[in-house]
Amino acid sequence: MPQSSISNKLNSNDNQLYSKIIEYPYLILLNLGFVHHDYNDQFLNDKKAHLPRLTKSTVNYYKLITVTKNFTSDGIRVNCMKVKQLNINPKIRIFSEDFYVYFLSL
């Protein structure tokens, strides 16, 4: 059984291609430490991906700031809430208060 399902449909009203949310029901570890920032958005944005069991992640802090719009974008928060172990590159020790709103389990 595949771990993800995606369905692309052509909207007949405006002929634009749109994607449904991709679900990764068994993904518990996600390494986004050295990827293009578009992948951060693709996996962390709840309008694009559903990660119900994600508990460990590696991210680049500066790309995370960009994707979350300085931790103000609600669409990213949902997939980050259950993360219990977060590795951040580069190592940063002091985070904004909004950072902890995203990562409630830290």
C-alpha atoms as a PDB file:
ATOM      1  CA  MET A   1       0.000   0.000   0.000  1.00  0.00           C
ATOM      2  CA  PRO A   2       1.499   3.412  -0.925  1.00  0.00           C
ATOM      3  CA  GLN A   3       2.360   5.809   1.862  1.00  0.00           C
ATOM      4  CA  SER A   4       0.939   8.805   0.073  1.00  0.00           C
ATOM      5  CA  SER A   5      -1.956   9.510  -2.180  1.00  0.00           C
ATOM      6  CA  ILE A   6      -2.359  12.444  -4.501  1.00  0.00           C
ATOM      7  CA  SER A   7      -5.012  13.363  -6.941  1.00  0.00           C
ATOM      8  CA  ASN A   8      -4.615  16.089  -9.529  1.00  0.00           C
ATOM      9  CA  LYS A   9      -7.720  17.383 -11.194  1.00  0.00           C
ATOM     10  CA  LEU A  10      -8.377  19.910 -13.899  1.00  0.00           C
ATOM     11  CA  ASN A  11     -10.794  22.585 -12.786  1.00  0.00           C
ATOM     12  CA  SER A  12     -13.220  23.016 -15.668  1.00  0.00           C
ATOM     13  CA  ASN A  13     -14.138  26.569 -14.636  1.00  0.00           C
ATOM     14  CA  ASP A  14     -10.722  28.130 -15.105  1.00  0.00           C
ATOM     15  CA  ASN A  15      -8.609  25.297 -16.593  1.00  0.00           C
ATOM     16  CA  GLN A  16      -6.058  25.466 -13.774  1.00  0.00           C
ATOM     17  CA  LEU A  17      -4.404  22.432 -12.267  1.00  0.00           C
ATOM     18  CA  TYR A  18      -4.752  22.035  -8.520  1.00  0.00           C
ATOM     19  CA  SER A  19      -3.620  19.346  -6.107  1.00  0.00           C
ATOM     20  CA  LYS A  20      -5.309  17.764  -3.153  1.00  0.00           C
ATOM     21  CA  ILE A  21      -3.534  17.428   0.153  1.00  0.00           C
ATOM     22  CA  ILE A  22      -0.931  14.651   0.175  1.00  0.00           C
ATOM     23  CA  GLU A  23      -1.146  12.431   3.238  1.00  0.00           C
ATOM     24  CA  TYR A  24       1.893  10.712   4.734  1.00  0.00           C
ATOM     25  CA  PRO A  25       0.256   8.586   7.449  1.00  0.00           C
ATOM     26  CA  TYR A  26       3.417   6.681   8.438  1.00  0.00           C
ATOM     27  CA  LEU A  27       6.013   9.463   8.249  1.00  0.00           C
ATOM     28  CA  ILE A  28       7.518  10.099  11.683  1.00  0.00           C
ATOM     29  CA  LEU A  29      10.920  11.559  10.700  1.00  0.00           C
ATOM     30  CA  LEU A  30      11.471  14.366   8.189  1.00  0.00           C
ATOM     31  CA  ASN A  31      14.873  15.819   7.295  1.00  0.00           C
ATOM     32  CA  LEU A  32      14.557  19.220   5.617  1.00  0.00           C
ATOM     33  CA  GLY A  33      17.938  20.476   6.796  1.00  0.00           C
ATOM     34  CA  PHE A  34      19.610  20.923   3.428  1.00  0.00           C
ATOM     35  CA  VAL A  35      16.762  21.203   0.932  1.00  0.00           C
ATOM     36  CA  HIS A  36      15.376  24.094  -1.105  1.00  0.00           C
ATOM     37  CA  HIS A  37      12.872  26.193   0.866  1.00  0.00           C
ATOM     38  CA  ASP A  38      10.071  25.044  -1.465  1.00  0.00           C
ATOM     39  CA  TYR A  39      10.297  21.572   0.098  1.00  0.00           C
ATOM     40  CA  ASN A  40       9.841  23.101   3.546  1.00  0.00           C
ATOM     41  CA  ASP A  41       6.623  24.667   2.322  1.00  0.00           C
ATOM     42  CA  GLN A  42       5.506  21.496   0.519  1.00  0.00           C
ATOM     43  CA  PHE A  43       5.862  19.275   3.578  1.00  0.00           C
ATOM     44  CA  LEU A  44       5.019  21.657   6.408  1.00  0.00           C
ATOM     45  CA  ASN A  45       2.071  23.521   4.880  1.00  0.00           C
ATOM     46  CA  ASP A  46      -1.129  21.794   5.995  1.00  0.00           C
ATOM     47  CA  LYS A  47      -2.842  22.850   2.747  1.00  0.00           C
ATOM     48  CA  LYS A  48      -0.325  20.715   0.829  1.00  0.00           C
ATOM     49  CA  ALA A  49       0.579  17.836   3.164  1.00  0.00           C
ATOM     50  CA  HIS A  50      -0.916  16.041   6.140  1.00  0.00           C
ATOM     51  CA  LEU A  51       1.674  14.584   8.535  1.00  0.00           C
ATOM     52  CA  PRO A  52      -0.335  13.097  11.413  1.00  0.00           C
ATOM     53  CA  ARG A  53       2.573  11.186  13.004  1.00  0.00           C
ATOM     54  CA  LEU A  54       5.502  13.540  12.442  1.00  0.00           C
ATOM     55  CA  THR A  55       7.478  13.641  15.700  1.00  0.00           C
ATOM     56  CA  LYS A  56      11.096  14.236  14.600  1.00  0.00           C
ATOM     57  CA  SER A  57      12.397  16.786  12.143  1.00  0.00           C
ATOM     58  CA  THR A  58      15.548  18.541  10.992  1.00  0.00           C
ATOM     59  CA  VAL A  59      15.182  22.030   9.517  1.00  0.00           C
ATOM     60  CA  ASN A  60      17.211  25.043   8.512  1.00  0.00           C
ATOM     61  CA  TYR A  61      16.152  27.808  10.888  1.00  0.00           C
ATOM     62  CA  TYR A  62      16.363  30.600   8.322  1.00  0.00           C
ATOM     63  CA  LYS A  63      14.298  28.687   5.765  1.00  0.00           C
ATOM     64  CA  LEU A  64      11.790  27.896   8.491  1.00  0.00           C
ATOM     65  CA  ILE A  65      11.486  31.611   9.278  1.00  0.00           C
ATOM     66  CA  THR A  66      10.820  32.305   5.591  1.00  0.00           C
ATOM     67  CA  VAL A  67       8.228  29.567   5.149  1.00  0.00           C
ATOM     68  CA  THR A  68       6.388  30.401   8.381  1.00  0.00           C
ATOM     69  CA  LYS A  69       6.565  34.148   7.707  1.00  0.00           C
ATOM     70  CA  ASN A  70       8.435  34.624  10.977  1.00  0.00           C
ATOM     71  CA  PHE A  71       6.167  32.124  12.759  1.00  0.00           C
ATOM     72  CA  THR A  72       2.927  33.913  11.893  1.00  0.00           C
ATOM     73  CA  SER A  73       1.516  31.578   9.199  1.00  0.00           C
ATOM     74  CA  ASP A  74      -1.191  29.321  10.614  1.00  0.00           C
ATOM     75  CA  GLY A  75      -0.920  26.903   7.673  1.00  0.00           C
ATOM     76  CA  ILE A  76       2.466  25.639   8.818  1.00  0.00           C
ATOM     77  CA  ARG A  77       1.636  25.351  12.514  1.00  0.00           C
ATOM     78  CA  VAL A  78      -0.571  22.247  12.226  1.00  0.00           C
ATOM     79  CA  ASN A  79       2.175  19.956  10.904  1.00  0.00           C
ATOM     80  CA  CYS A  80       4.698  21.243  13.467  1.00  0.00           C
ATOM     81  CA  MET A  81       2.592  20.881  16.615  1.00  0.00           C
ATOM     82  CA  LYS A  82       3.419  17.236  17.357  1.00  0.00           C
ATOM     83  CA  VAL A  83       7.169  17.457  16.729  1.00  0.00           C
ATOM     84  CA  LYS A  84       8.923  16.340  19.915  1.00  0.00           C
ATOM     85  CA  GLN A  85      12.496  16.326  18.639  1.00  0.00           C
ATOM     86  CA  LEU A  86      13.725  19.158  16.428  1.00  0.00           C
ATOM     87  CA  ASN A  87      17.237  19.503  15.041  1.00  0.00           C
ATOM     88  CA  ILE A  88      17.948  23.001  13.788  1.00  0.00           C
ATOM     89  CA  ASN A  89      20.726  24.115  11.444  1.00  0.00           C
ATOM     90  CA  PRO A  90      22.557  26.290  12.280  1.00  0.00           C
ATOM     91  CA  LYS A  91      22.417  25.681  16.014  1.00  0.00           C
ATOM     92  CA  ILE A  92      20.415  28.452  17.666  1.00  0.00           C
ATOM     93  CA  ARG A  93      19.610  28.542  21.355  1.00  0.00           C
ATOM     94  CA  ILE A  94      17.250  31.485  21.743  1.00  0.00           C
ATOM     95  CA  PHE A  95      13.954  31.435  19.865  1.00  0.00           C
ATOM     96  CA  SER A  96      11.073  33.844  19.621  1.00  0.00           C
ATOM     97  CA  GLU A  97       7.958  33.238  21.688  1.00  0.00           C
ATOM     98  CA  ASP A  98       6.060  32.475  18.469  1.00  0.00           C
ATOM     99  CA  PHE A  99       8.505  29.642  17.722  1.00  0.00           C
ATOM    100  CA  TYR A 100       7.191  27.726  20.734  1.00  0.00           C
ATOM    101  CA  VAL A 101       3.595  28.251  19.595  1.00  0.00           C
ATOM    102  CA  TYR A 102       4.508  26.265  16.477  1.00  0.00           C
ATOM    103  CA  PHE A 103       6.372  23.531  18.300  1.00  0.00           C
ATOM    104  CA  LEU A 104       4.135  22.952  21.313  1.00  0.00           C
ATOM    105  CA  SER A 105       5.667  19.571  22.158  1.00  0.00           C
ATOM    106  CA  LEU A 106       9.236  20.861  22.594  1.00  0.00           C
END
